[in-house]
Amino acid sequence: MALAIGCGEGGDRTAAPAPAAPDGADISIIGVDDLAERFVKLGLNLGRYDKNYVDAYSGPQEWAREAGESALSLDDLEREALDIIDGLDALKGDGASERESGLSRVVGAALMRIRMAKGETFSFDEEARRVYGFVPPAYDIGKFDAALAQIDALFPGDGDLATRVDEFVNSLAIPQDRLQSVMDAAIAECRRRTLVHYDLPEGEKFSMHTVTGKPWSGYNWYKGDFESVIEINTDFPVTIDRAVTLGCHEGYPGHHVWNVMVERDLKRANGWIEYSIQPLFSPNAVVGEGSANYGVSLAFPGEEKVAFERDVLFPLAGLDPAKAEKLNALSELKNKLSHSRNMIARDYLDGRIDREAAIEMQRKYGLSSRARAEQSIDFVDTYRAYVINYNLGQDLVSAYVDRRVGEGADRWAAFEEVLKSPDAAGLLAPH
């Protein structure tokens, strides 16, 4: 894994002048606030060209209107990004604050997305490094094949392993007429367990809707003012093991809690305007997806997830609780295959395999139907190297929390440090 900031290569590097400071004022604070505002406006303008870039926005609507009417070109945006980076470099002095370092990384990632929007091409690893700050390791496909052998032993029989596994998993799909009640129960339990450890703002809200025709299985749309809407894609049946996973990942203590803490503690309490925009493609995605995935085992440690599913969700869905243990065993073995998605995406995006080969590899190592594998590759087509944030991000968050626990910290407190870090990539970088 490599840590880097994707910034400052080529182009006009003339920095914009810093605003004058009133007598006795801290010039670094005034400077970074000005540059943070410029970044928000840069991000809104980039969203005109990079349609998925702005994941959420809760800043002044006037800025959004101005961006929508702007005639700034990608070349203009590239120069502005370089100027902001130079301005942040000028503020460092004896060393950058966490806020300045984090902002530099996010602007560097925006610069990379600007160059991609201009048609520049980069390898999978270079894209991962410059946008997210990390590069996944090289993979030994033999280790993935060994995990498949273990799963084959769990599901003995003739024919294709992916088909056998897919048939078992689909037998545990939540009936459509019970999906809402099962998801409500799962989300409520995820929330209950989270509130034991965190005080969330009064009035925070989290609601769920179903959609179709998306390249993802679930998505959290943060609306601001401590409210999130989760959309669950029902193109394929939602299996019973996904209820808790989605409830934790998209809600508590995952995306919803992260966004609430960022808005409350960084944007509102600190007045840091850069947190009025949530870029999808930035080092923040590492902590966003990594913490959301890690949040499942945080809220349901050990055997607590399978016990809750067996005793509460299976009966609520009208499914056979006797299958809960086997489903859990499958999930634990499939975790050994999670990084295969990075391997497949890297080979596909770098042109070493074509789409058909990528689909077949995803079907094999994702142990899914062809249709589900096609959806997974659709995701790679749309979001590219973003796939690393789920598995590599989870590994990084887990390693950080374990390290802090080893130093005597409470596990939930250490997790909160991750959620509220103004420099996600710096915090999670291996030490």
Protein backbone atom coordinates (compact mmCIF):
# COMPACT_ATOMS: atom_id res chain seq x y z
CA MET A 1 0.00 0.00 0.00
CA ALA A 2 1.31 3.43 -0.94
CA LEU A 3 0.19 6.78 0.39
CA ALA A 4 0.39 9.83 -1.83
CA ILE A 5 -1.20 13.16 -2.65
CA GLY A 6 -2.21 13.56 -6.27
CA CYS A 7 -1.26 17.17 -6.75
CA GLY A 8 0.84 19.69 -8.49
CA GLU A 9 2.12 18.10 -11.68
CA GLY A 10 2.43 20.51 -14.59
CA GLY A 11 0.14 23.38 -15.54
CA ASP A 12 0.07 26.95 -14.30
CA ARG A 13 1.21 26.92 -10.69
CA THR A 14 0.72 30.59 -9.89
CA ALA A 15 -0.89 30.76 -6.47
CA ALA A 16 -3.74 33.16 -5.79
CA PRO A 17 -2.78 35.87 -3.27
CA ALA A 18 -3.86 35.22 0.30
CA PRO A 19 -6.31 37.72 1.79
CA ALA A 20 -4.92 40.36 4.10
CA ALA A 21 -5.16 39.56 7.80
CA PRO A 22 -6.59 41.93 10.39
CA ASP A 23 -4.14 42.97 13.13
CA GLY A 24 -3.64 40.11 15.55
CA ALA A 25 -5.50 37.58 13.36
CA ASP A 26 -4.15 34.12 12.60
CA ILE A 27 -3.23 34.32 8.92
CA SER A 28 -3.24 30.52 8.56
CA ILE A 29 -6.87 30.30 9.68
CA ILE A 30 -8.00 33.12 7.38
CA GLY A 31 -6.04 31.62 4.50
CA VAL A 32 -7.36 28.11 4.83
CA ASP A 33 -10.96 29.31 5.11
CA ASP A 34 -10.58 31.22 1.86
CA LEU A 35 -9.03 28.23 0.12
CA ALA A 36 -11.69 25.90 1.51
CA GLU A 37 -14.42 28.10 0.02
CA ARG A 38 -12.63 28.08 -3.32
CA PHE A 39 -12.49 24.27 -3.17
CA VAL A 40 -16.25 24.01 -2.60
CA LYS A 41 -16.90 26.19 -5.64
CA LEU A 42 -14.34 24.20 -7.62
CA GLY A 43 -16.12 20.97 -6.70
CA LEU A 44 -19.52 22.31 -7.73
CA ASN A 45 -18.10 23.36 -11.08
CA LEU A 46 -16.39 20.00 -11.54
CA GLY A 47 -19.78 18.38 -11.00
CA ARG A 48 -20.92 19.85 -14.32
CA TYR A 49 -18.38 17.65 -16.10
CA ASP A 50 -17.99 14.73 -13.68
CA LYS A 51 -21.63 13.84 -12.98
CA ASN A 52 -20.97 11.56 -10.01
CA TYR A 53 -18.40 13.82 -8.34
CA VAL A 54 -20.74 15.69 -5.97
CA ASP A 55 -22.28 13.08 -3.70
CA ALA A 56 -23.92 15.60 -1.37
CA TYR A 57 -24.02 19.38 -0.99
CA SER A 58 -25.40 21.46 1.88
CA GLY A 59 -23.72 24.82 1.33
CA PRO A 60 -25.12 28.14 0.06
CA GLN A 61 -27.54 27.57 -2.79
CA GLU A 62 -26.21 30.70 -4.47
CA TRP A 63 -22.89 28.88 -5.02
CA ALA A 64 -24.70 25.96 -6.61
CA ARG A 65 -26.64 28.29 -8.92
CA GLU A 66 -23.48 30.12 -9.91
CA ALA A 67 -21.76 26.83 -10.71
CA GLY A 68 -24.73 25.69 -12.79
CA GLU A 69 -24.51 28.87 -14.86
CA SER A 70 -20.72 28.95 -15.02
CA ALA A 71 -18.76 28.96 -18.28
CA LEU A 72 -15.53 27.79 -16.63
CA SER A 73 -13.74 25.18 -18.71
CA LEU A 74 -11.86 22.14 -17.47
CA ASP A 75 -8.63 24.01 -18.17
CA ASP A 76 -9.89 26.82 -15.91
CA LEU A 77 -10.71 24.31 -13.20
CA GLU A 78 -7.31 22.67 -13.49
CA ARG A 79 -5.57 26.03 -12.99
CA GLU A 80 -7.81 26.80 -10.01
CA ALA A 81 -7.04 23.43 -8.40
CA LEU A 82 -3.32 24.02 -8.83
CA ASP A 83 -3.67 27.50 -7.34
CA ILE A 84 -5.54 26.17 -4.30
CA ILE A 85 -2.86 23.53 -3.76
CA ASP A 86 -0.14 26.16 -3.99
CA GLY A 87 -2.05 28.32 -1.53
CA LEU A 88 -2.26 25.43 0.93
CA ASP A 89 1.45 24.70 0.46
CA ALA A 90 2.19 28.35 1.30
CA LEU A 91 0.31 28.03 4.59
CA LYS A 92 2.28 25.05 5.87
CA GLY A 93 5.10 26.92 7.56
CA ASP A 94 6.54 24.53 10.12
CA GLY A 95 3.97 21.91 9.25
CA ALA A 96 0.44 21.57 7.94
CA SER A 97 -2.50 21.12 10.27
CA GLU A 98 -4.67 18.03 9.86
CA ARG A 99 -7.29 20.23 8.24
CA GLU A 100 -4.81 21.66 5.73
CA SER A 101 -3.36 18.23 4.95
CA GLY A 102 -6.79 16.72 4.44
CA LEU A 103 -7.89 19.61 2.24
CA SER A 104 -4.72 19.29 0.15
CA ARG A 105 -5.47 15.63 -0.49
CA VAL A 106 -9.08 16.30 -1.44
CA VAL A 107 -8.10 19.10 -3.84
CA GLY A 108 -5.40 16.83 -5.29
CA ALA A 109 -8.03 14.18 -5.93
CA ALA A 110 -10.24 16.78 -7.62
CA LEU A 111 -7.30 17.73 -9.83
CA MET A 112 -6.96 14.10 -10.86
CA ARG A 113 -10.68 13.86 -11.70
CA ILE A 114 -10.40 17.08 -13.73
CA ARG A 115 -7.59 15.54 -15.76
CA MET A 116 -9.59 12.36 -16.23
CA ALA A 117 -12.56 14.43 -17.42
CA LYS A 118 -10.22 16.06 -19.94
CA GLY A 119 -9.52 12.63 -21.37
CA GLU A 120 -6.17 11.84 -19.76
CA THR A 121 -5.76 8.14 -18.99
CA PHE A 122 -4.11 6.57 -15.97
CA SER A 123 -3.48 3.05 -14.77
CA PHE A 124 -5.75 1.58 -12.09
CA ASP A 125 -2.99 1.89 -9.49
CA GLU A 126 -2.19 5.49 -10.40
CA GLU A 127 -5.85 6.44 -10.26
CA ALA A 128 -6.20 4.76 -6.86
CA ARG A 129 -3.08 6.50 -5.55
CA ARG A 130 -3.93 9.98 -6.78
CA VAL A 131 -7.64 9.96 -5.97
CA TYR A 132 -7.86 7.86 -2.81
CA GLY A 133 -4.31 7.97 -1.46
CA PHE A 134 -3.70 4.22 -1.43
CA VAL A 135 -2.77 1.47 -3.87
CA PRO A 136 -4.00 -2.09 -3.30
CA PRO A 137 -1.27 -4.72 -3.19
CA ALA A 138 -0.49 -7.27 -5.86
CA TYR A 139 -2.63 -10.36 -5.38
CA ASP A 140 -1.86 -14.07 -5.41
CA ILE A 141 -4.78 -15.66 -7.26
CA GLY A 142 -3.85 -18.97 -5.63
CA LYS A 143 -5.10 -17.63 -2.28
CA PHE A 144 -8.48 -16.85 -3.81
CA ASP A 145 -8.60 -20.32 -5.34
CA ALA A 146 -7.82 -21.81 -1.91
CA ALA A 147 -10.80 -19.95 -0.44
CA LEU A 148 -12.97 -21.32 -3.24
CA ALA A 149 -11.84 -24.83 -2.30
CA GLN A 150 -12.99 -24.25 1.28
CA ILE A 151 -16.36 -23.03 0.06
CA ASP A 152 -16.63 -26.02 -2.26
CA ALA A 153 -16.23 -28.25 0.79
CA LEU A 154 -19.09 -26.38 2.47
CA PHE A 155 -21.29 -26.87 -0.62
CA PRO A 156 -20.35 -30.30 -2.01
CA GLY A 157 -21.93 -31.43 -5.22
CA ASP A 158 -21.56 -31.59 -8.96
CA GLY A 159 -21.44 -28.73 -11.39
CA ASP A 160 -20.45 -25.11 -11.08
CA LEU A 161 -19.65 -23.89 -7.55
CA ALA A 162 -20.95 -20.37 -8.19
CA THR A 163 -24.30 -21.83 -9.27
CA ARG A 164 -24.54 -24.02 -6.15
CA VAL A 165 -23.73 -21.11 -3.85
CA ASP A 166 -26.04 -18.73 -5.70
CA GLU A 167 -28.94 -21.18 -5.42
CA PHE A 168 -28.40 -21.49 -1.66
CA VAL A 169 -28.17 -17.75 -1.15
CA ASN A 170 -31.26 -17.08 -3.27
CA SER A 171 -33.20 -19.60 -1.16
CA LEU A 172 -32.75 -17.08 1.68
CA ALA A 173 -34.13 -14.07 -0.17
CA ILE A 174 -36.46 -11.89 1.87
CA PRO A 175 -40.00 -12.07 0.43
CA GLN A 176 -40.91 -8.74 -1.17
CA ASP A 177 -43.93 -8.28 1.07
CA ARG A 178 -41.72 -8.65 4.16
CA LEU A 179 -38.72 -6.62 3.00
CA GLN A 180 -39.76 -3.36 4.66
CA SER A 181 -40.46 -4.96 8.05
CA VAL A 182 -37.21 -6.95 8.00
CA MET A 183 -35.16 -3.91 7.02
CA ASP A 184 -36.90 -1.75 9.62
CA ALA A 185 -36.04 -4.31 12.32
CA ALA A 186 -32.43 -4.56 11.18
CA ILE A 187 -31.94 -0.79 10.98
CA ALA A 188 -33.57 -0.30 14.38
CA GLU A 189 -31.18 -2.79 15.97
CA CYS A 190 -28.15 -1.21 14.26
CA ARG A 191 -29.28 2.17 15.56
CA ARG A 192 -29.96 0.88 19.08
CA ARG A 193 -26.49 -0.60 19.36
CA THR A 194 -24.87 2.57 18.03
CA LEU A 195 -26.74 4.88 20.40
CA VAL A 196 -25.32 2.95 23.35
CA HIS A 197 -21.97 4.49 22.45
CA TYR A 198 -22.72 7.75 20.60
CA ASP A 199 -24.93 10.75 21.30
CA LEU A 200 -26.42 11.76 17.97
CA PRO A 201 -28.20 15.08 17.38
CA GLU A 202 -31.86 15.34 18.22
CA GLY A 203 -33.97 14.91 15.11
CA GLU A 204 -31.47 12.88 13.08
CA LYS A 205 -33.40 10.77 10.57
CA PHE A 206 -32.78 7.78 8.37
CA SER A 207 -35.38 6.40 5.94
CA MET A 208 -35.40 3.65 3.31
CA HIS A 209 -36.77 3.30 -0.21
CA THR A 210 -36.44 0.64 -2.90
CA VAL A 211 -35.21 1.33 -6.45
CA THR A 212 -34.25 -0.62 -9.56
CA GLY A 213 -31.85 -0.25 -12.46
CA LYS A 214 -28.75 0.77 -10.47
CA PRO A 215 -25.17 -0.59 -10.58
CA TRP A 216 -25.07 -0.82 -6.76
CA SER A 217 -27.02 -2.78 -4.14
CA GLY A 218 -27.53 0.10 -1.70
CA TYR A 219 -26.83 3.83 -1.56
CA ASN A 220 -27.01 6.46 1.18
CA TRP A 221 -28.08 9.89 0.01
CA TYR A 222 -27.20 12.38 2.73
CA LYS A 223 -29.63 15.29 2.60
CA GLY A 224 -28.04 17.52 5.22
CA ASP A 225 -29.57 18.63 8.53
CA PHE A 226 -28.79 15.16 9.93
CA GLU A 227 -31.07 13.31 7.50
CA SER A 228 -30.24 10.39 5.21
CA VAL A 229 -32.24 8.39 2.69
CA ILE A 230 -31.08 4.87 1.86
CA GLU A 231 -32.06 3.37 -1.47
CA ILE A 232 -31.98 -0.43 -1.77
CA ASN A 233 -31.74 -1.84 -5.26
CA THR A 234 -34.22 -4.67 -5.79
CA ASP A 235 -33.07 -5.70 -9.27
CA PHE A 236 -32.09 -8.89 -7.48
CA PRO A 237 -33.69 -10.44 -4.39
CA VAL A 238 -32.36 -9.01 -1.13
CA THR A 239 -31.04 -11.92 0.91
CA ILE A 240 -31.49 -12.11 4.66
CA ASP A 241 -27.79 -11.59 5.46
CA ARG A 242 -27.90 -8.23 3.66
CA ALA A 243 -30.40 -6.70 6.09
CA VAL A 244 -27.99 -6.09 8.96
CA THR A 245 -25.13 -5.36 6.55
CA LEU A 246 -27.11 -2.66 4.77
CA GLY A 247 -28.51 -1.28 8.02
CA CYS A 248 -25.05 -0.88 9.51
CA HIS A 249 -23.20 0.11 6.34
CA GLU A 250 -25.65 2.71 5.08
CA GLY A 251 -26.97 3.75 8.47
CA TYR A 252 -25.63 3.00 11.95
CA PRO A 253 -22.71 3.26 12.60
CA GLY A 254 -21.90 3.63 8.87
CA HIS A 255 -22.56 6.36 6.31
CA HIS A 256 -25.40 8.10 8.12
CA VAL A 257 -23.52 8.40 11.41
CA TRP A 258 -20.34 9.49 9.61
CA ASN A 259 -22.18 12.23 7.71
CA VAL A 260 -24.00 13.39 10.84
CA MET A 261 -20.75 13.65 12.83
CA VAL A 262 -18.98 15.46 10.01
CA GLU A 263 -21.81 17.99 9.70
CA ARG A 264 -22.16 18.50 13.45
CA ASP A 265 -18.52 18.47 14.56
CA LEU A 266 -16.55 19.67 11.55
CA LYS A 267 -18.88 21.85 9.51
CA ARG A 268 -21.11 23.41 12.16
CA ALA A 269 -18.96 23.38 15.30
CA ASN A 270 -15.70 24.29 13.54
CA GLY A 271 -17.17 26.32 10.71
CA TRP A 272 -15.19 24.36 8.09
CA ILE A 273 -17.01 25.16 4.86
CA GLU A 274 -15.26 22.43 2.85
CA TYR A 275 -17.55 19.92 4.57
CA SER A 276 -20.58 21.43 2.87
CA ILE A 277 -19.61 19.34 -0.16
CA GLN A 278 -19.06 15.60 -0.15
CA PRO A 279 -17.04 14.57 -3.20
CA LEU A 280 -17.54 10.94 -4.09
CA PHE A 281 -14.02 10.61 -5.48
CA SER A 282 -11.53 11.60 -2.78
CA PRO A 283 -9.53 10.12 0.12
CA ASN A 284 -12.65 10.64 2.23
CA ALA A 285 -14.14 7.66 0.39
CA VAL A 286 -11.57 5.41 2.07
CA VAL A 287 -12.87 6.30 5.50
CA GLY A 288 -16.49 6.46 4.29
CA GLU A 289 -16.69 2.98 2.77
CA GLY A 290 -14.05 1.41 5.00
CA SER A 291 -15.73 2.54 8.20
CA ALA A 292 -19.17 1.56 6.90
CA ASN A 293 -17.98 -1.98 6.21
CA TYR A 294 -16.11 -2.21 9.50
CA GLY A 295 -19.17 -0.89 11.32
CA VAL A 296 -21.00 -4.19 10.81
CA SER A 297 -18.60 -6.18 12.99
CA LEU A 298 -18.27 -3.24 15.40
CA ALA A 299 -22.01 -3.21 16.08
CA PHE A 300 -22.36 -7.01 15.95
CA PRO A 301 -19.10 -8.51 17.25
CA GLY A 302 -18.38 -12.22 17.29
CA GLU A 303 -21.47 -14.37 16.89
CA GLU A 304 -23.95 -11.57 17.62
CA LYS A 305 -24.86 -10.93 13.98
CA VAL A 306 -25.75 -14.51 13.19
CA ALA A 307 -27.62 -14.83 16.50
CA PHE A 308 -29.74 -11.74 15.74
CA GLU A 309 -30.41 -12.93 12.22
CA ARG A 310 -31.35 -16.44 13.37
CA ASP A 311 -33.51 -15.41 16.31
CA VAL A 312 -35.17 -12.26 14.94
CA LEU A 313 -34.80 -11.69 11.20
CA PHE A 314 -35.21 -15.24 9.87
CA PRO A 315 -38.59 -15.72 11.63
CA LEU A 316 -39.68 -12.21 10.62
CA ALA A 317 -38.90 -13.04 6.99
CA GLY A 318 -40.55 -16.45 7.21
CA LEU A 319 -37.24 -18.23 6.49
CA ASP A 320 -35.75 -21.35 8.08
CA PRO A 321 -33.51 -20.30 11.01
CA ALA A 322 -31.64 -23.62 10.74
CA LYS A 323 -29.86 -22.20 7.69
CA ALA A 324 -28.42 -19.21 9.56
CA GLU A 325 -25.21 -20.92 10.66
CA LYS A 326 -24.37 -22.18 7.18
CA LEU A 327 -25.04 -18.75 5.69
CA ASN A 328 -22.75 -17.19 8.28
CA ALA A 329 -20.00 -19.72 7.52
CA LEU A 330 -20.31 -18.86 3.84
CA SER A 331 -20.06 -15.13 4.59
CA GLU A 332 -16.88 -15.61 6.61
CA LEU A 333 -15.27 -17.61 3.81
CA LYS A 334 -16.39 -15.09 1.18
CA ASN A 335 -14.55 -12.39 3.13
CA LYS A 336 -11.35 -14.09 1.96
CA LEU A 337 -12.43 -13.32 -1.60
CA SER A 338 -13.29 -9.66 -1.11
CA HIS A 339 -10.03 -8.35 -2.59
CA SER A 340 -10.55 -10.40 -5.75
CA ARG A 341 -12.74 -7.52 -6.92
CA ASN A 342 -9.71 -5.21 -6.89
CA MET A 343 -7.72 -7.76 -8.87
CA ILE A 344 -10.47 -8.08 -11.48
CA ALA A 345 -11.08 -4.33 -11.72
CA ARG A 346 -7.36 -3.64 -12.11
CA ASP A 347 -6.92 -6.18 -14.93
CA TYR A 348 -10.10 -5.01 -16.65
CA LEU A 349 -9.49 -1.27 -16.47
CA ASP A 350 -5.85 -1.69 -17.47
CA GLY A 351 -6.91 -3.65 -20.53
CA ARG A 352 -5.40 -7.02 -19.67
CA ILE A 353 -8.83 -8.67 -19.82
CA ASP A 354 -11.98 -7.68 -21.69
CA ARG A 355 -15.45 -7.16 -20.23
CA GLU A 356 -16.54 -10.75 -20.89
CA ALA A 357 -13.50 -12.14 -19.07
CA ALA A 358 -14.09 -9.71 -16.19
CA ILE A 359 -17.70 -10.87 -15.87
CA GLU A 360 -16.67 -14.51 -15.80
CA MET A 361 -13.97 -13.87 -13.21
CA GLN A 362 -16.44 -11.90 -11.08
CA ARG A 363 -18.96 -14.72 -11.36
CA LYS A 364 -16.31 -17.24 -10.26
CA TYR A 365 -14.75 -15.30 -7.38
CA GLY A 366 -17.91 -13.43 -6.42
CA LEU A 367 -19.81 -16.75 -6.42
CA SER A 368 -22.77 -15.22 -8.13
CA SER A 369 -25.04 -15.53 -11.13
CA ARG A 370 -23.96 -14.00 -14.40
CA ALA A 371 -26.52 -11.21 -13.99
CA ARG A 372 -25.11 -10.21 -10.62
CA ALA A 373 -21.58 -10.37 -12.03
CA GLU A 374 -22.63 -8.08 -14.86
CA GLN A 375 -23.98 -5.60 -12.31
CA SER A 376 -20.66 -5.73 -10.46
CA ILE A 377 -18.72 -4.93 -13.64
CA ASP A 378 -21.23 -2.17 -14.43
CA PHE A 379 -20.19 -0.69 -11.10
CA VAL A 380 -16.53 -0.84 -12.14
CA ASP A 381 -17.38 0.81 -15.46
CA THR A 382 -19.13 3.62 -13.60
CA TYR A 383 -16.95 4.15 -10.53
CA ARG A 384 -13.63 2.62 -11.62
CA ALA A 385 -10.99 2.37 -8.84
CA TYR A 386 -13.60 3.31 -6.21
CA VAL A 387 -13.92 -0.44 -5.55
CA ILE A 388 -10.78 -0.39 -3.38
CA ASN A 389 -12.51 1.66 -0.70
CA TYR A 390 -14.73 -1.21 0.44
CA ASN A 391 -12.15 -3.90 1.13
CA LEU A 392 -8.85 -2.02 1.43
CA GLY A 393 -10.66 0.74 3.30
CA GLN A 394 -12.10 -1.79 5.76
CA ASP A 395 -8.64 -3.27 6.31
CA LEU A 396 -7.18 0.17 7.02
CA VAL A 397 -9.95 1.13 9.45
CA SER A 398 -9.69 -2.21 11.22
CA ALA A 399 -5.92 -1.88 11.55
CA TYR A 400 -6.23 1.65 12.97
CA VAL A 401 -8.91 0.69 15.50
CA ASP A 402 -6.97 -2.40 16.57
CA ARG A 403 -3.83 -0.30 17.01
CA ARG A 404 -5.67 2.24 19.16
CA VAL A 405 -7.29 -0.53 21.22
CA GLY A 406 -3.79 -1.94 21.77
CA GLU A 407 -2.85 1.47 23.13
CA GLY A 408 -5.72 1.33 25.61
CA ALA A 409 -8.47 3.13 23.70
CA ASP A 410 -12.11 2.04 23.66
CA ARG A 411 -13.02 0.43 20.31
CA TRP A 412 -16.01 2.69 19.66
CA ALA A 413 -14.02 5.77 20.66
CA ALA A 414 -11.25 4.79 18.25
CA PHE A 415 -13.83 4.31 15.51
CA GLU A 416 -15.19 7.80 16.23
CA GLU A 417 -11.68 9.20 15.71
CA VAL A 418 -11.79 7.74 12.21
CA LEU A 419 -15.22 9.19 11.46
CA LYS A 420 -14.25 12.70 12.51
CA SER A 421 -10.72 12.85 11.12
CA PRO A 422 -10.09 15.89 8.88
CA ASP A 423 -7.23 13.93 7.25
CA ALA A 424 -8.56 10.44 6.58
CA ALA A 425 -5.70 9.20 4.43
CA GLY A 426 -3.10 10.49 6.86
CA LEU A 427 -4.84 8.93 9.85
CA LEU A 428 -5.23 5.52 8.22
CA ALA A 429 -1.80 5.34 6.58
CA PRO A 430 0.09 2.27 7.85
CA HIS A 431 2.61 3.12 10.56
